[in-house]
Amino acid sequence: MSNWQVGVFLFLFWLFSSLVPRRLHLFFTSLGNHLIFPLMKKTRGVVEGNLRVIGRGRYNENEVSKLAKTCFQKYSHKLLDYMSMHRLDLSNRWKLVEREIGEEHLVEALKKGKGVICITPHLGNWELGGYVLASKGYPVNILTLKEGSRYLNQYEEKVRRGIGINTIYVDLSKQPNLSIVEMARRLRQNQIVALIADRMVGDQWIEAEFFGRPTKFPVGPAMLAMETGASVIPVFVILEKGMKYWGIIEKPILFANPTQDKGENIRQGVKKILESFEEMISRYPDQWYNFFPYWD
């Protein structure tokens, strides 16, 4: 989409989320999905292909189709919640967040004074997790690529800045990549660096098994953890049956086993990350928002 089309799209979603009570969002996203889903044949086929791999034979074709349809609907729901996220604070976050699990893991990791790398896949409402942590006073930095639209970049920065989240952009055209230096600096200040780690970006990667398929994964988080001593913690923000989110913070994954060499540390650490991702994606397959042929 062009810049102005993205701008119109953002405005309409923002207007809808502002004027229509959230309890009615489910009705409207379901209605819109019934109208649009049959028209998106190519993207629908891509999502269904990914779901077949995730299911490993557990889903029949009817179940695959239903999961793909709910994936589109829940993604629309996620976008509407994202547009209203700036209205949340500690006193009213219960409107979106029903449960918060495992915060003690983050607290204990920060006590070590070496920072924390929070990693998540494109699952659920990942932006909401950083927003809630920042609202509690945690020093949060989001690592991201720049969006294709300047309007979307401006909107995202405004929302993050309003709650105190710092944005670190990855620029793959620059050598050395200054985002790595900035992340290391923030971690040494005992801050949190949050990033999405289920897509290959750049040329530093390792091949590992993911849902039974060889898959390329970035090794940047692992190398950064080994360099700085920061803890690596998988985090998830999942939409549950009551249409409210659960925030889940898991135990840290270690990348510094003194009995192993650097390469083996990375392989074992990435393996544990992917096992964590697999478990959550298997439980919530219709909230994994990768609308491209992931294993191609």
C-alpha atoms as a PDB file:
ATOM      1  CA  MET A   1       0.000   0.000   0.000  1.00  0.00           C
ATOM      2  CA  SER A   2       1.077   3.585  -0.612  1.00  0.00           C
ATOM      3  CA  ASN A   3       1.794   6.010   2.235  1.00  0.00           C
ATOM      4  CA  TRP A   4      -1.559   7.746   1.951  1.00  0.00           C
ATOM      5  CA  GLN A   5      -3.434   4.435   1.829  1.00  0.00           C
ATOM      6  CA  VAL A   6      -1.688   3.301   5.023  1.00  0.00           C
ATOM      7  CA  GLY A   7      -2.532   6.658   6.595  1.00  0.00           C
ATOM      8  CA  VAL A   8      -6.226   6.239   5.727  1.00  0.00           C
ATOM      9  CA  PHE A   9      -6.164   2.642   6.963  1.00  0.00           C
ATOM     10  CA  LEU A  10      -4.659   3.675  10.307  1.00  0.00           C
ATOM     11  CA  PHE A  11      -7.143   6.508  10.718  1.00  0.00           C
ATOM     12  CA  LEU A  12     -10.132   4.252  10.059  1.00  0.00           C
ATOM     13  CA  PHE A  13      -8.932   1.616  12.533  1.00  0.00           C
ATOM     14  CA  TRP A  14      -8.216   4.319  15.110  1.00  0.00           C
ATOM     15  CA  LEU A  15     -11.656   5.894  14.570  1.00  0.00           C
ATOM     16  CA  PHE A  16     -13.433   2.555  14.830  1.00  0.00           C
ATOM     17  CA  SER A  17     -11.579   1.539  18.001  1.00  0.00           C
ATOM     18  CA  SER A  18     -12.398   4.945  19.525  1.00  0.00           C
ATOM     19  CA  LEU A  19     -16.104   5.038  18.677  1.00  0.00           C
ATOM     20  CA  VAL A  20     -17.167   1.388  18.941  1.00  0.00           C
ATOM     21  CA  PRO A  21     -17.115  -0.290  22.378  1.00  0.00           C
ATOM     22  CA  ARG A  22     -14.660  -3.197  22.544  1.00  0.00           C
ATOM     23  CA  ARG A  23     -17.414  -5.652  23.467  1.00  0.00           C
ATOM     24  CA  LEU A  24     -18.766  -5.128  19.928  1.00  0.00           C
ATOM     25  CA  HIS A  25     -15.414  -5.560  18.164  1.00  0.00           C
ATOM     26  CA  LEU A  26     -15.830  -9.321  17.975  1.00  0.00           C
ATOM     27  CA  PHE A  27     -19.123  -8.947  16.117  1.00  0.00           C
ATOM     28  CA  PHE A  28     -17.733  -6.495  13.580  1.00  0.00           C
ATOM     29  CA  THR A  29     -14.468  -8.373  12.984  1.00  0.00           C
ATOM     30  CA  SER A  30     -16.481 -11.562  12.461  1.00  0.00           C
ATOM     31  CA  LEU A  31     -18.793  -9.796  10.009  1.00  0.00           C
ATOM     32  CA  GLY A  32     -15.889  -8.255   8.113  1.00  0.00           C
ATOM     33  CA  ASN A  33     -14.079 -11.577   8.032  1.00  0.00           C
ATOM     34  CA  HIS A  34     -17.072 -13.331   6.474  1.00  0.00           C
ATOM     35  CA  LEU A  35     -17.048 -10.738   3.682  1.00  0.00           C
ATOM     36  CA  ILE A  36     -13.300 -10.449   3.044  1.00  0.00           C
ATOM     37  CA  PHE A  37     -11.901 -13.909   3.829  1.00  0.00           C
ATOM     38  CA  PRO A  38     -13.343 -15.628   0.715  1.00  0.00           C
ATOM     39  CA  LEU A  39     -11.716 -12.946  -1.486  1.00  0.00           C
ATOM     40  CA  MET A  40      -8.189 -13.418  -0.092  1.00  0.00           C
ATOM     41  CA  LYS A  41      -7.548 -16.714  -1.815  1.00  0.00           C
ATOM     42  CA  LYS A  42      -3.763 -16.414  -2.155  1.00  0.00           C
ATOM     43  CA  THR A  43      -3.066 -15.230   1.410  1.00  0.00           C
ATOM     44  CA  ARG A  44      -5.582 -17.722   2.770  1.00  0.00           C
ATOM     45  CA  GLY A  45      -3.727 -20.536   1.034  1.00  0.00           C
ATOM     46  CA  VAL A  46      -0.425 -19.357   2.510  1.00  0.00           C
ATOM     47  CA  VAL A  47      -1.819 -19.340   6.055  1.00  0.00           C
ATOM     48  CA  GLU A  48      -3.403 -22.750   5.552  1.00  0.00           C
ATOM     49  CA  GLY A  49      -0.058 -24.117   4.352  1.00  0.00           C
ATOM     50  CA  ASN A  50       1.680 -22.841   7.485  1.00  0.00           C
ATOM     51  CA  LEU A  51      -1.061 -24.328   9.664  1.00  0.00           C
ATOM     52  CA  ARG A  52      -0.595 -27.745   8.089  1.00  0.00           C
ATOM     53  CA  VAL A  53       3.062 -27.713   9.120  1.00  0.00           C
ATOM     54  CA  ILE A  54       2.210 -26.496  12.625  1.00  0.00           C
ATOM     55  CA  GLY A  55      -0.446 -29.196  13.002  1.00  0.00           C
ATOM     56  CA  ARG A  56       1.885 -32.032  11.915  1.00  0.00           C
ATOM     57  CA  GLY A  57      -1.106 -33.995  10.656  1.00  0.00           C
ATOM     58  CA  ARG A  58      -3.389 -33.248  13.626  1.00  0.00           C
ATOM     59  CA  TYR A  59      -5.776 -31.032  11.632  1.00  0.00           C
ATOM     60  CA  ASN A  60      -8.055 -32.183   8.837  1.00  0.00           C
ATOM     61  CA  GLU A  61      -8.694 -29.781   5.945  1.00  0.00           C
ATOM     62  CA  ASN A  62     -11.891 -28.437   7.490  1.00  0.00           C
ATOM     63  CA  GLU A  63     -10.026 -27.611  10.717  1.00  0.00           C
ATOM     64  CA  VAL A  64      -7.202 -25.974   8.751  1.00  0.00           C
ATOM     65  CA  SER A  65      -9.723 -23.744   6.950  1.00  0.00           C
ATOM     66  CA  LYS A  66     -11.454 -22.778  10.211  1.00  0.00           C
ATOM     67  CA  LEU A  67      -8.141 -21.946  11.912  1.00  0.00           C
ATOM     68  CA  ALA A  68      -7.076 -19.796   8.954  1.00  0.00           C
ATOM     69  CA  LYS A  69     -10.355 -17.904   9.105  1.00  0.00           C
ATOM     70  CA  THR A  70     -10.077 -17.228  12.836  1.00  0.00           C
ATOM     71  CA  CYS A  71      -6.453 -16.168  12.289  1.00  0.00           C
ATOM     72  CA  PHE A  72      -7.597 -13.327  10.030  1.00  0.00           C
ATOM     73  CA  GLN A  73     -10.320 -12.341  12.473  1.00  0.00           C
ATOM     74  CA  LYS A  74      -8.045 -12.338  15.509  1.00  0.00           C
ATOM     75  CA  TYR A  75      -5.447 -10.312  13.631  1.00  0.00           C
ATOM     76  CA  SER A  76      -8.098  -7.664  12.931  1.00  0.00           C
ATOM     77  CA  HIS A  77      -9.013  -7.767  16.617  1.00  0.00           C
ATOM     78  CA  LYS A  78      -5.347  -7.326  17.506  1.00  0.00           C
ATOM     79  CA  LEU A  79      -5.079  -4.249  15.272  1.00  0.00           C
ATOM     80  CA  LEU A  80      -8.119  -2.666  16.889  1.00  0.00           C
ATOM     81  CA  ASP A  81      -6.675  -3.308  20.351  1.00  0.00           C
ATOM     82  CA  TYR A  82      -3.373  -1.824  19.214  1.00  0.00           C
ATOM     83  CA  MET A  83      -5.153   1.379  18.160  1.00  0.00           C
ATOM     84  CA  SER A  84      -6.645   1.766  21.635  1.00  0.00           C
ATOM     85  CA  MET A  85      -3.554   0.677  23.574  1.00  0.00           C
ATOM     86  CA  HIS A  86      -2.429   4.255  24.259  1.00  0.00           C
ATOM     87  CA  ARG A  87      -5.466   4.711  26.518  1.00  0.00           C
ATOM     88  CA  LEU A  88      -4.256   2.028  28.942  1.00  0.00           C
ATOM     89  CA  ASP A  89      -2.430   2.589  32.210  1.00  0.00           C
ATOM     90  CA  LEU A  90      -1.870   0.634  35.423  1.00  0.00           C
ATOM     91  CA  SER A  91      -5.344   1.459  36.707  1.00  0.00           C
ATOM     92  CA  ASN A  92      -7.320   0.248  33.693  1.00  0.00           C
ATOM     93  CA  ARG A  93      -5.130  -2.323  31.932  1.00  0.00           C
ATOM     94  CA  TRP A  94      -7.531  -5.019  33.149  1.00  0.00           C
ATOM     95  CA  LYS A  95      -9.768  -3.937  30.261  1.00  0.00           C
ATOM     96  CA  LEU A  96      -7.379  -5.809  27.975  1.00  0.00           C
ATOM     97  CA  VAL A  97      -5.099  -7.859  30.239  1.00  0.00           C
ATOM     98  CA  GLU A  98      -6.745 -10.527  32.387  1.00  0.00           C
ATOM     99  CA  ARG A  99      -3.695 -12.343  33.774  1.00  0.00           C
ATOM    100  CA  GLU A 100       0.037 -11.695  34.140  1.00  0.00           C
ATOM    101  CA  ILE A 101       2.146 -14.795  34.734  1.00  0.00           C
ATOM    102  CA  GLY A 102       5.856 -15.128  35.545  1.00  0.00           C
ATOM    103  CA  GLU A 103       6.884 -11.533  36.229  1.00  0.00           C
ATOM    104  CA  GLU A 104       9.130 -12.852  38.995  1.00  0.00           C
ATOM    105  CA  HIS A 105      11.428 -14.314  36.311  1.00  0.00           C
ATOM    106  CA  LEU A 106      11.980 -10.837  34.879  1.00  0.00           C
ATOM    107  CA  VAL A 107      12.550  -9.305  38.308  1.00  0.00           C
ATOM    108  CA  GLU A 108      15.143 -11.922  39.245  1.00  0.00           C
ATOM    109  CA  ALA A 109      16.949 -11.566  35.918  1.00  0.00           C
ATOM    110  CA  LEU A 110      17.205  -7.785  36.286  1.00  0.00           C
ATOM    111  CA  LYS A 111      18.706  -8.218  39.756  1.00  0.00           C
ATOM    112  CA  LYS A 112      21.816  -9.581  38.040  1.00  0.00           C
ATOM    113  CA  GLY A 113      22.403  -6.123  36.594  1.00  0.00           C
ATOM    114  CA  LYS A 114      23.191  -7.265  33.039  1.00  0.00           C
ATOM    115  CA  GLY A 115      19.914  -6.506  31.318  1.00  0.00           C
ATOM    116  CA  VAL A 116      17.282  -8.759  29.767  1.00  0.00           C
ATOM    117  CA  ILE A 117      16.544  -9.709  26.161  1.00  0.00           C
ATOM    118  CA  CYS A 118      12.818 -10.445  25.840  1.00  0.00           C
ATOM    119  CA  ILE A 119      12.047 -12.486  22.731  1.00  0.00           C
ATOM    120  CA  THR A 120       8.724 -13.452  21.203  1.00  0.00           C
ATOM    121  CA  PRO A 121       7.360 -14.722  17.874  1.00  0.00           C
ATOM    122  CA  HIS A 122       4.668 -12.942  15.820  1.00  0.00           C
ATOM    123  CA  LEU A 123       2.118 -14.427  18.181  1.00  0.00           C
ATOM    124  CA  GLY A 124      -0.788 -12.674  19.874  1.00  0.00           C
ATOM    125  CA  ASN A 125      -0.399  -8.989  20.708  1.00  0.00           C
ATOM    126  CA  TRP A 126       3.353  -8.570  21.185  1.00  0.00           C
ATOM    127  CA  GLU A 127       3.210  -4.758  21.301  1.00  0.00           C
ATOM    128  CA  LEU A 128       0.880  -4.894  24.302  1.00  0.00           C
ATOM    129  CA  GLY A 129       3.490  -6.774  26.349  1.00  0.00           C
ATOM    130  CA  GLY A 130       6.061  -3.998  26.028  1.00  0.00           C
ATOM    131  CA  TYR A 131       3.417  -1.395  26.762  1.00  0.00           C
ATOM    132  CA  VAL A 132       2.340  -3.050  30.016  1.00  0.00           C
ATOM    133  CA  LEU A 133       5.942  -3.514  31.197  1.00  0.00           C
ATOM    134  CA  ALA A 134       6.759   0.117  30.454  1.00  0.00           C
ATOM    135  CA  SER A 135       3.632   1.280  32.290  1.00  0.00           C
ATOM    136  CA  LYS A 136       5.009  -0.503  35.364  1.00  0.00           C
ATOM    137  CA  GLY A 137       8.246   1.451  35.148  1.00  0.00           C
ATOM    138  CA  TYR A 138      10.486  -1.130  33.463  1.00  0.00           C
ATOM    139  CA  PRO A 139      13.039   0.413  31.066  1.00  0.00           C
ATOM    140  CA  VAL A 140      11.894  -1.079  27.733  1.00  0.00           C
ATOM    141  CA  ASN A 141      13.529  -0.784  24.317  1.00  0.00           C
ATOM    142  CA  ILE A 142      11.905  -2.218  21.194  1.00  0.00           C
ATOM    143  CA  LEU A 143      14.149  -3.482  18.390  1.00  0.00           C
ATOM    144  CA  THR A 144      12.476  -3.294  14.987  1.00  0.00           C
ATOM    145  CA  LEU A 145      12.903  -2.740  11.279  1.00  0.00           C
ATOM    146  CA  LYS A 146      11.432   0.456   9.886  1.00  0.00           C
ATOM    147  CA  GLU A 147       7.990   0.008   8.380  1.00  0.00           C
ATOM    148  CA  GLY A 148       7.449   0.702   4.698  1.00  0.00           C
ATOM    149  CA  SER A 149       5.147   3.610   5.511  1.00  0.00           C
ATOM    150  CA  ARG A 150       6.371   6.719   7.303  1.00  0.00           C
ATOM    151  CA  TYR A 151       2.847   7.207   8.724  1.00  0.00           C
ATOM    152  CA  LEU A 152       2.981   3.811  10.390  1.00  0.00           C
ATOM    153  CA  ASN A 153       6.482   4.515  11.737  1.00  0.00           C
ATOM    154  CA  GLN A 154       5.327   7.850  13.148  1.00  0.00           C
ATOM    155  CA  TYR A 155       2.252   6.324  14.760  1.00  0.00           C
ATOM    156  CA  GLU A 156       4.171   3.454  16.352  1.00  0.00           C
ATOM    157  CA  GLU A 157       6.875   5.780  17.674  1.00  0.00           C
ATOM    158  CA  LYS A 158       4.262   8.128  19.125  1.00  0.00           C
ATOM    159  CA  VAL A 159       2.485   5.304  20.965  1.00  0.00           C
ATOM    160  CA  ARG A 160       5.749   3.899  22.335  1.00  0.00           C
ATOM    161  CA  ARG A 161       7.185   7.267  23.286  1.00  0.00           C
ATOM    162  CA  GLY A 162       3.974   8.152  25.158  1.00  0.00           C
ATOM    163  CA  ILE A 163       4.553   5.334  27.637  1.00  0.00           C
ATOM    164  CA  GLY A 164       8.353   5.664  27.749  1.00  0.00           C
ATOM    165  CA  ILE A 165       9.407   2.926  25.318  1.00  0.00           C
ATOM    166  CA  ASN A 166      12.536   3.618  23.284  1.00  0.00           C
ATOM    167  CA  THR A 167      12.680   2.374  19.669  1.00  0.00           C
ATOM    168  CA  ILE A 168      15.926   0.966  18.248  1.00  0.00           C
ATOM    169  CA  TYR A 169      15.848   0.600  14.468  1.00  0.00           C
ATOM    170  CA  VAL A 170      17.792  -2.046  12.564  1.00  0.00           C
ATOM    171  CA  ASP A 171      19.444  -0.679   9.423  1.00  0.00           C
ATOM    172  CA  LEU A 172      20.893  -3.608   7.487  1.00  0.00           C
ATOM    173  CA  SER A 173      22.473  -1.275   4.934  1.00  0.00           C
ATOM    174  CA  LYS A 174      24.950   0.101   7.457  1.00  0.00           C
ATOM    175  CA  GLN A 175      28.166  -1.657   8.418  1.00  0.00           C
ATOM    176  CA  PRO A 176      28.704  -2.041  11.267  1.00  0.00           C
ATOM    177  CA  ASN A 177      25.084  -2.318  12.307  1.00  0.00           C
ATOM    178  CA  LEU A 178      24.824   0.428  14.920  1.00  0.00           C
ATOM    179  CA  SER A 179      21.673  -1.109  16.419  1.00  0.00           C
ATOM    180  CA  ILE A 180      23.854  -3.868  17.915  1.00  0.00           C
ATOM    181  CA  VAL A 181      26.022  -1.284  19.639  1.00  0.00           C
ATOM    182  CA  GLU A 182      22.937   0.509  20.959  1.00  0.00           C
ATOM    183  CA  MET A 183      21.364  -2.726  22.231  1.00  0.00           C
ATOM    184  CA  ALA A 184      24.556  -3.684  24.041  1.00  0.00           C
ATOM    185  CA  ARG A 185      24.712  -0.221  25.617  1.00  0.00           C
ATOM    186  CA  ARG A 186      21.124  -0.484  26.864  1.00  0.00           C
ATOM    187  CA  LEU A 187      21.685  -3.969  28.273  1.00  0.00           C
ATOM    188  CA  ARG A 188      24.790  -2.823  30.138  1.00  0.00           C
ATOM    189  CA  GLN A 189      22.554  -0.183  31.715  1.00  0.00           C
ATOM    190  CA  ASN A 190      20.408  -3.093  32.972  1.00  0.00           C
ATOM    191  CA  GLN A 191      17.523  -2.310  30.647  1.00  0.00           C
ATOM    192  CA  ILE A 192      15.161  -4.550  28.666  1.00  0.00           C
ATOM    193  CA  VAL A 193      15.562  -5.061  24.927  1.00  0.00           C
ATOM    194  CA  ALA A 194      12.473  -6.647  23.368  1.00  0.00           C
ATOM    195  CA  LEU A 195      12.458  -8.147  19.890  1.00  0.00           C
ATOM    196  CA  ILE A 196      10.549 -10.524  17.636  1.00  0.00           C
ATOM    197  CA  ALA A 197      12.712 -13.511  16.791  1.00  0.00           C
ATOM    198  CA  ASP A 198      10.826 -15.881  14.484  1.00  0.00           C
ATOM    199  CA  ARG A 199      11.792 -14.336  11.130  1.00  0.00           C
ATOM    200  CA  MET A 200      15.152 -14.310   9.404  1.00  0.00           C
ATOM    201  CA  VAL A 201      16.641 -10.808   9.134  1.00  0.00           C
ATOM    202  CA  GLY A 202      20.162 -10.115   7.882  1.00  0.00           C
ATOM    203  CA  ASP A 203      22.853 -12.669   7.142  1.00  0.00           C
ATOM    204  CA  GLN A 204      23.709 -13.987  10.613  1.00  0.00           C
ATOM    205  CA  TRP A 205      21.703 -17.130  11.136  1.00  0.00           C
ATOM    206  CA  ILE A 206      21.711 -20.714  12.260  1.00  0.00           C
ATOM    207  CA  GLU A 207      19.678 -23.586  10.849  1.00  0.00           C
ATOM    208  CA  ALA A 208      17.544 -25.376  13.418  1.00  0.00           C
ATOM    209  CA  GLU A 209      14.497 -27.623  13.432  1.00  0.00           C
ATOM    210  CA  PHE A 210      11.189 -25.814  13.865  1.00  0.00           C
ATOM    211  CA  PHE A 211       7.981 -27.866  13.684  1.00  0.00           C
ATOM    212  CA  GLY A 212      10.006 -30.657  12.138  1.00  0.00           C
ATOM    213  CA  ARG A 213      11.383 -28.497   9.321  1.00  0.00           C
ATOM    214  CA  PRO A 214      14.910 -27.069   8.920  1.00  0.00           C
ATOM    215  CA  THR A 215      14.525 -23.327   9.420  1.00  0.00           C
ATOM    216  CA  LYS A 216      16.893 -20.368   9.438  1.00  0.00           C
ATOM    217  CA  PHE A 217      16.870 -18.325  12.637  1.00  0.00           C
ATOM    218  CA  PRO A 218      18.762 -15.160  13.570  1.00  0.00           C
ATOM    219  CA  VAL A 219      21.613 -15.657  16.019  1.00  0.00           C
ATOM    220  CA  GLY A 220      21.834 -11.982  16.993  1.00  0.00           C
ATOM    221  CA  PRO A 221      20.010 -12.405  20.342  1.00  0.00           C
ATOM    222  CA  ALA A 222      22.219 -15.349  21.283  1.00  0.00           C
ATOM    223  CA  MET A 223      25.464 -13.581  20.400  1.00  0.00           C
ATOM    224  CA  LEU A 224      24.335 -10.429  22.204  1.00  0.00           C
ATOM    225  CA  ALA A 225      23.478 -12.440  25.315  1.00  0.00           C
ATOM    226  CA  MET A 226      26.877 -14.113  25.296  1.00  0.00           C
ATOM    227  CA  GLU A 227      28.650 -10.795  24.792  1.00  0.00           C
ATOM    228  CA  THR A 228      26.799  -8.878  27.534  1.00  0.00           C
ATOM    229  CA  GLY A 229      25.744 -11.626  29.947  1.00  0.00           C
ATOM    230  CA  ALA A 230      22.101 -10.562  29.563  1.00  0.00           C
ATOM    231  CA  SER A 231      19.343 -13.070  30.302  1.00  0.00           C
ATOM    232  CA  VAL A 232      17.191 -14.239  27.381  1.00  0.00           C
ATOM    233  CA  ILE A 233      13.534 -14.620  28.329  1.00  0.00           C
ATOM    234  CA  PRO A 234      10.691 -15.812  26.056  1.00  0.00           C
ATOM    235  CA  VAL A 235       7.553 -13.719  26.535  1.00  0.00           C
ATOM    236  CA  PHE A 236       4.055 -14.098  25.076  1.00  0.00           C
ATOM    237  CA  VAL A 237       0.848 -12.038  25.075  1.00  0.00           C
ATOM    238  CA  ILE A 238      -2.014 -14.332  24.109  1.00  0.00           C
ATOM    239  CA  LEU A 239      -5.685 -13.606  23.438  1.00  0.00           C
ATOM    240  CA  GLU A 240      -7.717 -16.025  25.530  1.00  0.00           C
ATOM    241  CA  LYS A 241     -11.319 -17.243  25.298  1.00  0.00           C
ATOM    242  CA  GLY A 242     -12.773 -14.271  27.154  1.00  0.00           C
ATOM    243  CA  MET A 243     -11.239 -11.958  24.513  1.00  0.00           C
ATOM    244  CA  LYS A 244      -8.742 -10.690  27.058  1.00  0.00           C
ATOM    245  CA  TYR A 245      -4.996 -11.210  27.042  1.00  0.00           C
ATOM    246  CA  TRP A 246      -2.701 -13.274  29.201  1.00  0.00           C
ATOM    247  CA  GLY A 247       0.850 -12.024  29.576  1.00  0.00           C
ATOM    248  CA  ILE A 248       3.311 -14.903  30.076  1.00  0.00           C
ATOM    249  CA  ILE A 249       6.970 -14.487  31.039  1.00  0.00           C
ATOM    250  CA  GLU A 250       8.952 -17.732  31.019  1.00  0.00           C
ATOM    251  CA  LYS A 251      12.171 -18.727  32.781  1.00  0.00           C
ATOM    252  CA  PRO A 252      15.448 -17.389  31.333  1.00  0.00           C
ATOM    253  CA  ILE A 253      17.353 -19.386  28.737  1.00  0.00           C
ATOM    254  CA  LEU A 254      21.080 -19.525  29.410  1.00  0.00           C
ATOM    255  CA  PHE A 255      23.697 -18.990  26.699  1.00  0.00           C
ATOM    256  CA  ALA A 256      26.826 -19.311  28.801  1.00  0.00           C
ATOM    257  CA  ASN A 257      27.496 -22.946  29.677  1.00  0.00           C
ATOM    258  CA  PRO A 258      31.199 -23.044  30.585  1.00  0.00           C
ATOM    259  CA  THR A 259      31.484 -26.706  29.559  1.00  0.00           C
ATOM    260  CA  GLN A 260      30.503 -25.952  25.935  1.00  0.00           C
ATOM    261  CA  ASP A 261      32.118 -23.930  23.168  1.00  0.00           C
ATOM    262  CA  LYS A 262      30.476 -20.830  21.726  1.00  0.00           C
ATOM    263  CA  GLY A 263      28.895 -22.605  18.768  1.00  0.00           C
ATOM    264  CA  GLU A 264      27.342 -25.303  20.934  1.00  0.00           C
ATOM    265  CA  ASN A 265      26.050 -22.696  23.388  1.00  0.00           C
ATOM    266  CA  ILE A 266      24.282 -20.933  20.528  1.00  0.00           C
ATOM    267  CA  ARG A 267      22.832 -24.157  19.096  1.00  0.00           C
ATOM    268  CA  GLN A 268      21.500 -25.346  22.448  1.00  0.00           C
ATOM    269  CA  GLY A 269      20.130 -21.910  23.362  1.00  0.00           C
ATOM    270  CA  VAL A 270      18.348 -21.471  20.022  1.00  0.00           C
ATOM    271  CA  LYS A 271      16.948 -24.999  20.362  1.00  0.00           C
ATOM    272  CA  LYS A 272      15.402 -24.062  23.728  1.00  0.00           C
ATOM    273  CA  ILE A 273      13.968 -20.841  22.296  1.00  0.00           C
ATOM    274  CA  LEU A 274      12.334 -22.725  19.437  1.00  0.00           C
ATOM    275  CA  GLU A 275      10.930 -25.349  21.788  1.00  0.00           C
ATOM    276  CA  SER A 276       9.318 -22.532  23.772  1.00  0.00           C
ATOM    277  CA  PHE A 277       7.956 -20.950  20.574  1.00  0.00           C
ATOM    278  CA  GLU A 278       6.652 -24.297  19.299  1.00  0.00           C
ATOM    279  CA  GLU A 279       4.759 -25.002  22.489  1.00  0.00           C
ATOM    280  CA  MET A 280       2.931 -21.673  22.474  1.00  0.00           C
ATOM    281  CA  ILE A 281       2.253 -21.597  18.723  1.00  0.00           C
ATOM    282  CA  SER A 282       0.892 -25.163  18.908  1.00  0.00           C
ATOM    283  CA  ARG A 283      -1.520 -24.048  21.628  1.00  0.00           C
ATOM    284  CA  TYR A 284      -2.582 -20.903  19.743  1.00  0.00           C
ATOM    285  CA  PRO A 285      -2.031 -21.642  16.029  1.00  0.00           C
ATOM    286  CA  ASP A 286      -4.631 -19.100  14.891  1.00  0.00           C
ATOM    287  CA  GLN A 287      -2.698 -16.289  16.593  1.00  0.00           C
ATOM    288  CA  TRP A 288       0.577 -16.803  14.711  1.00  0.00           C
ATOM    289  CA  TYR A 289       0.524 -13.909  12.267  1.00  0.00           C
ATOM    290  CA  ASN A 290       2.912 -14.832   9.461  1.00  0.00           C
ATOM    291  CA  PHE A 291       1.020 -14.173   6.236  1.00  0.00           C
ATOM    292  CA  PHE A 292       3.664 -15.547   3.892  1.00  0.00           C
ATOM    293  CA  PRO A 293       4.869 -19.094   3.063  1.00  0.00           C
ATOM    294  CA  TYR A 294       7.044 -19.439   6.144  1.00  0.00           C
ATOM    295  CA  TRP A 295       8.913 -22.622   5.198  1.00  0.00           C
ATOM    296  CA  ASP A 296       9.487 -21.697   1.563  1.00  0.00           C
END
